[in-house]
Protein backbone atom coordinates (compact mmCIF):
# COMPACT_ATOMS: atom_id res chain seq x y z
CA UNK A 1 -4.95 -21.26 -43.44
CA UNK A 2 -7.19 -23.43 -45.51
CA UNK A 3 -9.83 -25.93 -44.50
CA UNK A 4 -7.63 -28.76 -45.72
CA UNK A 5 -4.73 -27.71 -43.50
CA UNK A 6 -7.10 -27.66 -40.50
CA UNK A 7 -8.37 -31.06 -41.28
CA UNK A 8 -4.83 -32.44 -41.57
CA UNK A 9 -3.74 -31.24 -38.20
CA UNK A 10 -3.32 -33.65 -35.30
CA UNK A 11 -6.17 -33.87 -32.82
CA UNK A 12 -4.10 -31.94 -30.16
CA UNK A 13 -3.25 -29.01 -32.59
CA UNK A 14 -6.40 -27.07 -31.64
CA UNK A 15 -5.66 -27.41 -28.00
CA UNK A 16 -2.01 -26.42 -28.46
CA UNK A 17 -3.14 -23.33 -30.32
CA UNK A 18 -5.51 -22.39 -27.52
CA UNK A 19 -2.69 -22.84 -25.02
CA UNK A 20 -0.27 -20.62 -26.85
CA UNK A 21 -2.80 -17.78 -27.25
CA UNK A 22 -3.72 -18.16 -23.63
CA UNK A 23 -0.21 -17.85 -22.41
CA UNK A 24 0.28 -14.64 -24.49
CA UNK A 25 -2.94 -13.09 -23.16
CA UNK A 26 -2.24 -14.19 -19.61
CA UNK A 27 1.03 -12.22 -19.43
CA UNK A 28 -0.80 -8.89 -19.79
CA UNK A 29 -3.50 -9.80 -17.22
CA UNK A 30 -0.85 -10.86 -14.70
CA UNK A 31 0.62 -7.39 -14.92
CA UNK A 32 -2.84 -5.97 -14.02
CA UNK A 33 -3.13 -8.48 -11.15
CA UNK A 34 0.21 -7.64 -9.75
CA UNK A 35 -0.41 -3.91 -9.91
CA UNK A 36 -3.77 -4.35 -8.16
CA UNK A 37 -2.22 -6.63 -5.54
CA UNK A 38 0.48 -4.02 -4.73
CA UNK A 39 -1.56 -0.80 -5.12
CA UNK A 40 -4.82 -1.71 -3.40
CA UNK A 41 -3.53 -1.81 0.22
CA UNK A 42 -1.75 1.55 -0.38
CA UNK A 43 -4.81 3.11 -1.80
CA UNK A 44 -7.06 1.72 0.87
CA UNK A 45 -4.77 2.90 3.68
CA UNK A 46 -4.51 6.39 2.02
CA UNK A 47 -8.25 7.12 1.45
CA UNK A 48 -9.92 4.91 4.11
CA UNK A 49 -12.73 2.33 3.85
CA UNK A 50 -15.47 4.95 3.38
CA UNK A 51 -14.06 6.77 0.36
CA UNK A 52 -12.87 3.42 -1.12
CA UNK A 53 -16.37 2.04 -0.67
CA UNK A 54 -17.83 5.08 -2.31
CA UNK A 55 -15.48 4.68 -5.33
CA UNK A 56 -16.55 1.04 -5.64
CA UNK A 57 -20.27 1.89 -5.24
CA UNK A 58 -20.19 4.68 -7.90
CA UNK A 59 -18.10 2.52 -10.19
CA UNK A 60 -20.53 -0.39 -9.85
CA UNK A 61 -23.49 1.82 -10.87
CA UNK A 62 -21.86 3.75 -13.63
CA UNK A 63 -20.38 0.51 -15.01
CA UNK A 64 -23.78 -0.30 -16.28
CA UNK A 65 -23.08 2.32 -18.96
CA UNK A 66 -20.64 -0.16 -20.57
CA UNK A 67 -23.74 -2.06 -21.65
CA UNK A 68 -24.05 0.63 -24.32
CA UNK A 69 -21.54 -1.56 -26.22
CA UNK A 70 -24.68 -3.37 -27.29
CA UNK A 71 -22.77 -6.58 -27.73
CA UNK A 72 -21.06 -5.18 -30.87
CA UNK A 73 -17.61 -6.19 -29.66
CA UNK A 74 -18.59 -9.87 -29.70
CA UNK A 75 -19.98 -9.57 -33.18
CA UNK A 76 -16.81 -7.85 -34.52
CA UNK A 77 -14.59 -10.59 -33.00
CA UNK A 78 -16.76 -13.31 -34.60
CA UNK A 79 -16.99 -11.75 -38.08
CA UNK A 80 -13.33 -10.61 -38.32
CA UNK A 81 -12.24 -14.18 -37.49
CA UNK A 82 -14.67 -15.69 -40.00
CA UNK A 83 -13.84 -13.26 -42.78
CA UNK A 84 -10.18 -13.87 -42.21
CA UNK A 85 -10.64 -17.65 -42.45
CA UNK A 86 -12.96 -17.51 -45.52
CA UNK A 87 -13.28 -15.57 -48.72
CA UNK A 88 -14.89 -12.42 -47.33
CA UNK A 89 -11.79 -10.59 -46.06
CA UNK A 90 -12.60 -7.64 -48.38
CA UNK A 91 -15.77 -7.10 -46.41
CA UNK A 92 -13.97 -6.42 -43.16
CA UNK A 93 -13.45 -2.67 -43.78
CA UNK A 94 -17.20 -2.25 -44.22
CA UNK A 95 -17.82 -4.13 -40.99
CA UNK A 96 -15.35 -2.10 -39.10
CA UNK A 97 -16.56 1.20 -40.50
CA UNK A 98 -20.13 0.34 -39.53
CA UNK A 99 -19.13 -0.69 -36.00
CA UNK A 100 -17.01 2.52 -35.61
CA UNK A 101 -19.90 4.75 -36.54
CA UNK A 102 -22.16 2.98 -34.16
CA UNK A 103 -19.62 3.15 -31.37
CA UNK A 104 -18.82 6.85 -31.82
CA UNK A 105 -22.54 7.68 -31.68
CA UNK A 106 -22.98 5.60 -28.56
CA UNK A 107 -19.89 7.17 -26.92
CA UNK A 108 -21.20 10.62 -27.54
CA UNK A 109 -24.51 9.73 -25.95
CA UNK A 110 -22.70 8.27 -23.03
CA UNK A 111 -20.95 11.58 -22.48
CA UNK A 112 -24.25 13.43 -22.43
CA UNK A 113 -25.77 10.89 -20.02
CA UNK A 114 -22.82 11.18 -17.64
CA UNK A 115 -23.06 14.98 -17.57
CA UNK A 116 -26.80 14.74 -16.67
CA UNK A 117 -26.33 12.03 -14.12
CA UNK A 118 -23.34 13.41 -12.21
CA UNK A 119 -25.22 16.11 -10.21
CA UNK A 120 -28.20 13.92 -9.32
CA UNK A 121 -26.79 10.50 -8.59
CA UNK A 122 -25.36 11.36 -5.19
CA UNK A 123 -28.83 12.67 -4.15
CA UNK A 124 -30.51 9.56 -5.51
CA UNK A 125 -28.25 7.43 -3.34
CA UNK A 126 -28.98 9.68 -0.37
CA UNK A 127 -25.32 10.17 0.32
CA UNK A 128 -24.24 12.47 3.13
CA UNK A 129 -23.56 16.09 2.01
CA UNK A 130 -19.81 15.78 2.87
CA UNK A 131 -19.22 13.13 0.19
CA UNK A 132 -21.58 14.42 -2.50
CA UNK A 133 -18.97 16.46 -4.26
CA UNK A 134 -16.51 13.52 -4.38
CA UNK A 135 -19.33 11.31 -5.69
CA UNK A 136 -20.16 13.79 -8.42
CA UNK A 137 -16.55 13.92 -9.63
CA UNK A 138 -16.26 10.15 -9.48
CA UNK A 139 -19.46 9.90 -11.58
CA UNK A 140 -18.03 12.28 -14.22
CA UNK A 141 -14.62 10.56 -14.47
CA UNK A 142 -16.07 7.05 -14.43
CA UNK A 143 -18.77 7.96 -16.93
CA UNK A 144 -16.21 9.58 -19.24
CA UNK A 145 -14.08 6.40 -18.94
CA UNK A 146 -17.00 4.28 -20.04
CA UNK A 147 -17.81 6.72 -22.93
CA UNK A 148 -14.24 6.56 -24.24
CA UNK A 149 -13.86 2.83 -23.71
CA UNK A 150 -16.87 1.98 -25.98
CA UNK A 151 -15.31 3.20 -29.26
CA UNK A 152 -11.86 2.30 -28.03
CA UNK A 153 -12.88 -1.39 -27.65
CA UNK A 154 -13.08 -1.76 -31.35
CA UNK A 155 -9.32 -1.88 -31.75
CA UNK A 156 -9.05 -4.64 -29.17
CA UNK A 157 -11.90 -6.58 -30.71
CA UNK A 158 -10.13 -6.54 -34.10
CA UNK A 159 -6.93 -7.85 -32.53
CA UNK A 160 -8.96 -10.69 -30.90
CA UNK A 161 -10.60 -11.48 -34.19
CA UNK A 162 -7.09 -11.66 -35.79
CA UNK A 163 -6.09 -13.92 -32.92
CA UNK A 164 -3.14 -11.67 -32.10
CA UNK A 165 -3.32 -12.26 -28.29
CA UNK A 166 0.42 -11.68 -28.11
CA UNK A 167 -0.15 -8.06 -29.09
CA UNK A 168 -3.10 -7.80 -26.65
CA UNK A 169 -0.89 -9.15 -23.84
CA UNK A 170 1.70 -6.54 -24.61
CA UNK A 171 -0.92 -3.76 -24.63
CA UNK A 172 -2.37 -4.97 -21.28
CA UNK A 173 1.07 -5.06 -19.69
CA UNK A 174 1.79 -1.53 -20.89
CA UNK A 175 -1.56 -0.30 -19.61
CA UNK A 176 -0.89 -1.83 -16.25
CA UNK A 177 2.49 -0.10 -16.03
CA UNK A 178 1.02 3.28 -16.99
CA UNK A 179 -1.80 2.86 -14.41
CA UNK A 180 0.62 1.89 -11.67
CA UNK A 181 2.83 4.89 -12.32
CA UNK A 182 -0.22 7.15 -12.36
CA UNK A 183 -1.62 5.89 -9.16
CA UNK A 184 1.79 6.23 -7.48
CA UNK A 185 2.07 9.77 -8.65
CA UNK A 186 -1.41 10.48 -7.28
CA UNK A 187 -0.51 8.96 -3.92
CA UNK A 188 2.77 11.00 -3.69
CA UNK A 189 0.80 14.20 -4.45
CA UNK A 190 -1.79 13.43 -1.88
CA UNK A 191 -4.60 12.64 -4.23
CA UNK A 192 -7.69 10.62 -3.42
CA UNK A 193 -10.26 8.38 -5.18
CA UNK A 194 -11.12 11.17 -7.72
CA UNK A 195 -7.48 11.26 -8.87
CA UNK A 196 -7.40 7.46 -9.05
CA UNK A 197 -10.46 7.58 -11.33
CA UNK A 198 -8.72 10.24 -13.49
CA UNK A 199 -5.73 7.96 -13.91
CA UNK A 200 -8.07 5.14 -15.07
CA UNK A 201 -9.54 7.55 -17.64
CA UNK A 202 -6.08 8.52 -18.88
CA UNK A 203 -5.04 4.91 -19.40
CA UNK A 204 -8.34 4.15 -21.30
CA UNK A 205 -7.73 7.15 -23.57
CA UNK A 206 -4.08 6.34 -24.40
CA UNK A 207 -4.11 2.54 -25.05
CA UNK A 208 -6.19 2.68 -28.35
CA UNK A 209 -3.38 4.52 -30.05
CA UNK A 210 -0.72 1.79 -29.97
CA UNK A 211 -3.48 -0.74 -30.56
CA UNK A 212 -4.27 0.85 -33.95
CA UNK A 213 -0.62 0.96 -34.81
CA UNK A 214 -0.19 -2.72 -33.97
CA UNK A 215 -3.33 -3.61 -36.10
CA UNK A 216 -1.64 -1.91 -39.17
CA UNK A 217 1.46 -4.05 -38.51
CA UNK A 218 -0.52 -7.28 -38.01
CA UNK A 219 -2.91 -6.79 -40.93
CA UNK A 220 -1.36 -4.23 -43.40
CA UNK A 221 -4.29 -4.59 -45.88
CA UNK A 222 -7.00 -3.88 -43.29
CA UNK A 223 -8.41 -0.32 -43.49
CA UNK A 224 -9.86 1.21 -40.37
CA UNK A 225 -12.00 4.34 -40.90
CA UNK A 226 -15.40 5.79 -41.46
CA UNK A 227 -15.71 5.06 -45.20
CA UNK A 228 -17.72 2.01 -46.34
CA UNK A 229 -20.23 1.93 -43.50
CA UNK A 230 -23.68 0.89 -44.58
CA UNK A 231 -27.04 0.13 -43.14
CA UNK A 232 -27.01 -3.54 -44.22
CA UNK A 233 -23.78 -4.29 -42.29
CA UNK A 234 -25.11 -2.38 -39.26
CA UNK A 235 -28.14 -4.61 -39.33
CA UNK A 236 -25.94 -7.67 -39.62
CA UNK A 237 -24.10 -6.56 -36.50
CA UNK A 238 -27.29 -5.84 -34.65
CA UNK A 239 -28.93 -9.18 -35.52
CA UNK A 240 -25.97 -11.06 -33.93
CA UNK A 241 -25.24 -8.69 -31.07
CA UNK A 242 -28.67 -8.05 -29.55
CA UNK A 243 -28.61 -11.33 -27.76
CA UNK A 244 -25.08 -10.68 -26.47
CA UNK A 245 -26.39 -7.31 -25.15
CA UNK A 246 -29.16 -8.90 -23.14
CA UNK A 247 -26.80 -11.52 -21.79
CA UNK A 248 -24.32 -8.77 -20.85
CA UNK A 249 -27.17 -6.87 -19.13
CA UNK A 250 -28.13 -9.85 -17.04
CA UNK A 251 -24.44 -10.70 -16.36
CA UNK A 252 -23.77 -7.14 -15.19
CA UNK A 253 -26.81 -7.37 -12.88
CA UNK A 254 -25.30 -10.49 -11.37
CA UNK A 255 -21.89 -9.07 -10.79
CA UNK A 256 -22.68 -5.50 -9.87
CA UNK A 257 -25.97 -5.79 -8.10
CA UNK A 258 -24.24 -6.90 -4.90
CA UNK A 259 -22.66 -3.59 -4.34
CA UNK A 260 -25.94 -1.72 -4.85
CA UNK A 261 -27.82 -4.09 -2.45
CA UNK A 262 -25.14 -3.79 0.17
CA UNK A 263 -24.76 -0.02 -0.22
CA UNK A 264 -28.51 0.45 0.12
CA UNK A 265 -29.13 -1.85 3.01
CA UNK A 266 -25.85 -1.72 4.89
CA UNK A 267 -23.18 1.01 5.65
CA UNK A 268 -21.03 2.17 2.80
CA UNK A 269 -17.97 0.74 4.48
CA UNK A 270 -19.48 -2.74 4.06
CA UNK A 271 -19.19 -2.30 0.28
CA UNK A 272 -15.44 -2.00 0.83
CA UNK A 273 -15.33 -5.32 2.83
CA UNK A 274 -17.35 -7.12 0.15
CA UNK A 275 -15.45 -5.64 -2.73
CA UNK A 276 -12.10 -6.65 -1.40
CA UNK A 277 -13.35 -10.21 -0.68
CA UNK A 278 -14.81 -10.40 -4.18
CA UNK A 279 -11.51 -9.23 -5.69
CA UNK A 280 -9.72 -12.16 -3.99
CA UNK A 281 -12.44 -14.57 -5.10
CA UNK A 282 -12.31 -13.29 -8.68
CA UNK A 283 -8.56 -14.00 -9.17
CA UNK A 284 -9.32 -17.37 -10.67
CA UNK A 285 -11.96 -15.96 -13.02
CA UNK A 286 -9.62 -13.15 -14.13
CA UNK A 287 -6.78 -15.55 -15.04
CA UNK A 288 -9.13 -18.07 -16.63
CA UNK A 289 -10.85 -15.44 -18.64
CA UNK A 290 -7.68 -14.84 -20.57
CA UNK A 291 -7.90 -18.44 -21.74
CA UNK A 292 -11.67 -18.26 -22.57
CA UNK A 293 -11.22 -15.19 -24.64
CA UNK A 294 -9.13 -17.03 -27.26
CA UNK A 295 -11.97 -19.48 -27.90
CA UNK A 296 -14.42 -17.20 -29.65
CA UNK A 297 -12.27 -16.29 -32.67
CA UNK A 298 -10.83 -19.83 -32.87
CA UNK A 299 -14.30 -21.43 -32.76
CA UNK A 300 -15.61 -18.91 -35.30
CA UNK A 301 -12.75 -19.79 -37.69
CA UNK A 302 -13.56 -23.54 -37.29
CA UNK A 303 -17.30 -22.91 -37.72
CA UNK A 304 -16.51 -21.06 -41.01
CA UNK A 305 -14.80 -24.22 -42.22
CA UNK A 306 -17.67 -26.48 -41.05
CA UNK A 307 -15.25 -28.32 -38.69
CA UNK A 308 -17.88 -29.65 -36.23
CA UNK A 309 -15.61 -32.28 -34.63
CA UNK A 310 -12.96 -29.62 -34.05
CA UNK A 311 -15.59 -27.45 -32.44
CA UNK A 312 -16.39 -30.34 -30.09
CA UNK A 313 -12.66 -30.59 -29.36
CA UNK A 314 -12.60 -26.90 -28.52
CA UNK A 315 -15.67 -27.39 -26.23
CA UNK A 316 -14.25 -30.30 -24.32
CA UNK A 317 -10.58 -29.23 -24.24
CA UNK A 318 -11.58 -25.64 -23.52
CA UNK A 319 -13.77 -26.64 -20.64
CA UNK A 320 -11.12 -28.96 -19.15
CA UNK A 321 -8.39 -26.35 -19.43
CA UNK A 322 -10.53 -23.62 -17.92
CA UNK A 323 -11.40 -25.84 -14.95
CA UNK A 324 -7.76 -27.09 -14.69
CA UNK A 325 -6.60 -23.43 -14.44
CA UNK A 326 -9.18 -22.26 -12.01
CA UNK A 327 -9.38 -25.34 -9.70
CA UNK A 328 -5.98 -25.00 -7.97
CA UNK A 329 -6.56 -21.37 -7.40
CA UNK A 330 -9.96 -22.21 -5.91
CA UNK A 331 -8.42 -24.77 -3.60
CA UNK A 332 -5.73 -22.42 -2.39
CA UNK A 333 -8.26 -19.54 -1.76
CA UNK A 334 -10.71 -21.87 0.10
CA UNK A 335 -7.91 -23.04 2.35
CA UNK A 336 -6.18 -19.77 3.01
CA UNK A 337 -8.87 -17.09 2.47
CA UNK A 338 -8.41 -15.65 5.99
CA UNK A 339 -4.61 -15.38 5.89
CA UNK A 340 -4.68 -14.03 2.35
CA UNK A 341 -7.03 -11.16 3.34
CA UNK A 342 -5.01 -10.43 6.49
CA UNK A 343 -1.71 -10.32 4.64
CA UNK A 344 -3.15 -8.21 1.81
CA UNK A 345 -5.39 -5.54 3.58
CA UNK A 346 -5.19 -6.21 7.22
CA UNK A 347 -6.74 -8.19 10.07
CA UNK A 348 -10.04 -6.30 10.14
CA UNK A 349 -10.88 -8.03 6.81
CA UNK A 350 -10.00 -11.59 7.92
CA UNK A 351 -13.68 -12.19 8.99
CA UNK A 352 -14.70 -11.89 5.29
CA UNK A 353 -13.01 -15.21 4.45
CA UNK A 354 -16.33 -16.98 4.16
CA UNK A 355 -17.37 -14.52 1.47
CA UNK A 356 -14.21 -15.36 -0.43
CA UNK A 357 -14.80 -19.06 -0.28
CA UNK A 358 -18.52 -18.83 -1.38
CA UNK A 359 -17.63 -16.43 -4.31
CA UNK A 360 -14.70 -18.59 -5.35
CA UNK A 361 -16.89 -21.67 -5.61
CA UNK A 362 -19.54 -19.75 -7.52
CA UNK A 363 -16.90 -18.46 -9.84
CA UNK A 364 -15.62 -21.94 -10.55
CA UNK A 365 -19.16 -23.20 -11.46
CA UNK A 366 -19.83 -20.17 -13.58
CA UNK A 367 -16.52 -20.23 -15.35
CA UNK A 368 -16.92 -23.96 -16.23
CA UNK A 369 -19.63 -22.92 -18.68
CA UNK A 370 -17.76 -19.97 -20.35
CA UNK A 371 -16.22 -22.25 -23.02
CA UNK A 372 -19.67 -23.55 -23.89
CA UNK A 373 -20.88 -19.94 -24.33
CA UNK A 374 -17.96 -19.18 -26.55
CA UNK A 375 -18.55 -22.21 -28.85
CA UNK A 376 -22.35 -21.45 -28.99
CA UNK A 377 -21.61 -17.76 -29.82
CA UNK A 378 -19.28 -18.87 -32.63
CA UNK A 379 -22.04 -21.16 -33.97
CA UNK A 380 -24.66 -18.30 -33.61
CA UNK A 381 -26.69 -20.58 -31.27
CA UNK A 382 -26.35 -18.44 -28.27
CA UNK A 383 -29.82 -16.89 -28.51
CA UNK A 384 -31.58 -19.41 -26.35
CA UNK A 385 -29.17 -18.58 -23.48
CA UNK A 386 -31.22 -15.38 -22.93
CA UNK A 387 -33.76 -17.15 -20.78
CA UNK A 388 -31.11 -18.65 -18.55
CA UNK A 389 -29.32 -15.32 -18.17
CA UNK A 390 -32.51 -13.50 -17.19
CA UNK A 391 -33.46 -16.29 -14.74
CA UNK A 392 -29.94 -16.22 -13.20
CA UNK A 393 -30.04 -12.42 -12.75
CA UNK A 394 -33.55 -12.37 -11.25
CA UNK A 395 -32.78 -15.34 -8.89
CA UNK A 396 -29.44 -13.67 -7.83
CA UNK A 397 -31.02 -10.35 -6.93
CA UNK A 398 -33.95 -12.07 -5.12
CA UNK A 399 -31.72 -14.25 -3.01
CA UNK A 400 -29.36 -11.35 -2.14
CA UNK A 401 -32.24 -9.19 -0.96
CA UNK A 402 -33.64 -12.15 0.99
CA UNK A 403 -30.37 -13.24 2.66
CA UNK A 404 -28.56 -9.87 3.26
CA UNK A 405 -30.41 -9.00 6.42
CA UNK A 406 -30.15 -12.36 8.35
CA UNK A 407 -26.60 -13.38 7.05
CA UNK A 408 -25.03 -10.03 6.03
CA UNK A 409 -22.31 -10.14 3.44
CA UNK A 410 -22.13 -13.98 3.52
CA UNK A 411 -25.94 -13.96 2.61
CA UNK A 412 -25.22 -11.98 -0.58
CA UNK A 413 -22.33 -14.33 -1.49
CA UNK A 414 -24.48 -17.39 -0.75
CA UNK A 415 -27.25 -16.02 -3.11
CA UNK A 416 -24.62 -15.76 -5.80
CA UNK A 417 -23.53 -19.38 -5.31
CA UNK A 418 -26.94 -20.89 -5.26
CA UNK A 419 -28.28 -19.06 -8.34
CA UNK A 420 -25.12 -19.79 -10.27
CA UNK A 421 -25.17 -23.48 -9.48
CA UNK A 422 -28.80 -23.92 -10.42
CA UNK A 423 -28.62 -22.07 -13.74
CA UNK A 424 -25.18 -23.21 -14.93
CA UNK A 425 -25.32 -26.84 -14.07
CA UNK A 426 -29.02 -27.32 -14.53
CA UNK A 427 -29.67 -25.36 -17.71
CA UNK A 428 -26.59 -24.02 -19.57
CA UNK A 429 -24.64 -27.26 -19.46
CA UNK A 430 -27.34 -29.56 -20.86
CA UNK A 431 -28.19 -27.01 -23.53
CA UNK A 432 -24.48 -26.73 -24.64
CA UNK A 433 -23.97 -30.48 -24.73
CA UNK A 434 -27.17 -30.93 -26.86
CA UNK A 435 -26.25 -28.30 -29.40
CA UNK A 436 -22.59 -29.43 -29.77
CA UNK A 437 -23.48 -33.12 -29.89
CA UNK A 438 -21.29 -33.94 -26.93
CA UNK A 439 -22.37 -36.79 -24.67
CA UNK A 440 -22.25 -36.64 -20.85
CA UNK A 441 -19.87 -39.58 -20.89
CA UNK A 442 -17.39 -37.56 -22.95
CA UNK A 443 -17.72 -34.70 -20.52
CA UNK A 444 -16.99 -36.97 -17.56
CA UNK A 445 -13.92 -38.53 -19.34
CA UNK A 446 -12.60 -35.31 -20.88
CA UNK A 447 -13.39 -32.71 -18.14
CA UNK A 448 -14.56 -34.00 -14.79
CA UNK A 449 -12.24 -36.85 -14.03
CA UNK A 450 -9.00 -35.31 -15.34
CA UNK A 451 -9.56 -32.21 -13.10
CA UNK A 452 -11.54 -33.54 -10.08
CA UNK A 453 -9.07 -36.21 -9.11
CA UNK A 454 -5.94 -33.98 -9.06
CA UNK A 455 -8.04 -31.32 -7.29
CA UNK A 456 -8.89 -33.74 -4.46
CA UNK A 457 -5.31 -34.71 -4.23
CA UNK A 458 -4.15 -31.07 -3.90
CA UNK A 459 -6.87 -30.31 -1.43
CA UNK A 460 -5.81 -33.26 0.80
CA UNK A 461 -2.11 -32.34 0.71
CA UNK A 462 -2.81 -28.64 1.36
CA UNK A 463 -5.08 -29.53 4.25
CA UNK A 464 -2.40 -31.66 5.91
CA UNK A 465 0.32 -29.03 5.39
CA UNK A 466 -1.97 -26.25 6.74
CA UNK A 467 -2.76 -28.20 9.92
CA UNK A 468 0.91 -29.13 10.44
CA UNK A 469 2.49 -25.78 9.72
CA UNK A 470 -0.31 -23.36 10.74
CA UNK A 471 0.96 -20.70 8.11
CA UNK A 472 0.78 -17.05 9.15
CA UNK A 473 2.99 -15.41 6.64
CA UNK A 474 3.28 -15.16 2.85
CA UNK A 475 6.36 -17.29 2.84
CA UNK A 476 4.73 -20.11 4.99
CA UNK A 477 1.61 -20.06 2.71
CA UNK A 478 3.85 -20.36 -0.37
CA UNK A 479 5.80 -23.23 1.23
CA UNK A 480 2.43 -25.07 1.78
CA UNK A 481 1.18 -24.32 -1.73
CA UNK A 482 4.18 -25.35 -3.85
CA UNK A 483 4.29 -29.14 -3.07
CA UNK A 484 0.43 -29.41 -3.32
CA UNK A 485 0.47 -27.51 -6.69
CA UNK A 486 3.24 -29.72 -8.02
CA UNK A 487 1.24 -32.79 -7.07
CA UNK A 488 -1.82 -31.34 -8.76
CA UNK A 489 0.18 -30.66 -11.99
CA UNK A 490 1.73 -34.04 -12.00
CA UNK A 491 -1.58 -35.78 -11.56
CA UNK A 492 -3.27 -33.69 -14.10
CA UNK A 493 -0.61 -34.15 -16.73
CA UNK A 494 -0.46 -37.91 -16.13
CA UNK A 495 -4.02 -38.24 -17.39
CA UNK A 496 -4.42 -39.37 -21.00
CA UNK A 497 -6.85 -36.45 -21.69
CA UNK A 498 -4.05 -33.98 -21.20
CA UNK A 499 -1.96 -35.04 -24.16
CA UNK A 500 -1.79 -31.59 -25.68
CA UNK A 501 -0.86 -29.99 -22.36
CA UNK A 502 2.06 -32.51 -22.00
CA UNK A 503 3.27 -31.80 -25.58
CA UNK A 504 3.22 -28.05 -24.98
CA UNK A 505 5.18 -28.53 -21.70
CA UNK A 506 7.73 -30.69 -23.49
CA UNK A 507 8.12 -28.15 -26.29
CA UNK A 508 8.55 -25.33 -23.73
CA UNK A 509 11.25 -27.42 -21.90
CA UNK A 510 12.95 -28.06 -25.26
CA UNK A 511 12.99 -24.38 -26.14
CA UNK A 512 14.38 -23.61 -22.71
CA UNK A 513 17.17 -26.19 -23.10
CA UNK A 514 18.18 -24.84 -26.52
CA UNK A 515 18.23 -21.31 -25.29
CA UNK A 516 20.32 -22.24 -22.26
CA UNK A 517 22.71 -24.24 -24.44
CA UNK A 518 23.11 -21.29 -26.86
CA UNK A 519 23.77 -18.84 -23.99
CA UNK A 520 26.26 -21.30 -22.45
CA UNK A 521 28.07 -21.75 -25.77
CA UNK A 522 28.24 -17.99 -26.28
CA UNK A 523 29.60 -17.52 -22.78
CA UNK A 524 32.30 -20.13 -23.13
CA UNK A 525 33.35 -18.75 -26.55
CA UNK A 526 33.54 -15.25 -25.09
CA UNK A 527 35.59 -16.50 -22.01
CA UNK A 528 38.02 -18.47 -24.17
CA UNK A 529 38.45 -15.44 -26.47
CA UNK A 530 39.44 -13.36 -23.43
């Protein structure tokens, strides 16, 4: 695609491209969500809240090892997209080879660190002797999973840089299927959390193989191997990725420090309660993240062409779509957090509804700034986000430690909400608007009004239906949600800012009609032939 072709596209073309890539990526993530929704209650009932909490706690600590990625994945995505759009495609093998050597070195170091940490981590956490063996094996399997995932992520980063989110969705769906089968086999054989961790390791080790094959099909001229790596390219990667590394570190502190704080100051079973509430609250983020992931390579391509107005379109449309996807999920979870927890994992967890609500609101605020981060990363102007990331992490940990004693799990969630709101809305949003040249009026017209008004309408309808029906089953909740969601969708699509979304919907309806007409014609011809 040339610069001229991009310039000649209609204003909604960029948004349509984002929507198509999002739909493809979302299919794979929905498969993971469904498998988690079905398997988690079975796993929890099989191993109990203590072992499940131990698995979450060990996973939260060992997950810091994924920071050894050093932000290289983000750099690979950016440069593959830019090289593909410009005249430097022949430099891609050198970039990939340099990243591969770095990754393999880091993965080997992670294996050594895991072997050293496994025997001592249970003692550092002062776990009781009866669970120390389980904790050691969990550390080994989880650490090995991190070590393998670091070099494996290169293949997925290349696919993202190529903007082949359809292939990524296919891989994610396949991975979810293999994981579900593995967990079911472990349950049938009487396995516990150690076996569940082993299944995760198996999936991580297998998925890169079909990913590499798909890359060869998508980009036949792209060579992936060791040859061509050089120090200059490694420095180029490092100069871009070191900021992403620190942002990832602070982000990981924000997301994983809760489990450590709770596991240290409260019983291990409390980690299970918080983890399950957080998983419900993160549904909106997980789904919306599939949309945000498509923005970095697209924005990098536009940046390579110098299309600043298109970048502003990506920023505004991306933020609006992210909020539009997340907002109805947030409204439903805020209204039905208690029933959802009860129907999913049982009545003992219904009291954690307030945690779900607080974390959902915090996730909505945080996610509203993800598109800004993607555009700034594509423009290589993300370095100044370091201060805000460090501040957010420090504030989050301080508030969690301060509030966990008087308020319990709700205090930890409240700390997340307060720190997220202060940093995202007070610092990140003004910085992104200033660097992209977007006015606050444009944000109001293109993001806030098109999403807030339909959201208020949905919340009102849902509240009335909840008070009238008093839903206590999945079916009754769905009956309440459907009309409210349809009203939200109609109000959102009626807004003039949602032109691209309306066009995509009409295109999909047209495709569906043509497909149905073809099937009907084929059926009638077959019937008449008989």
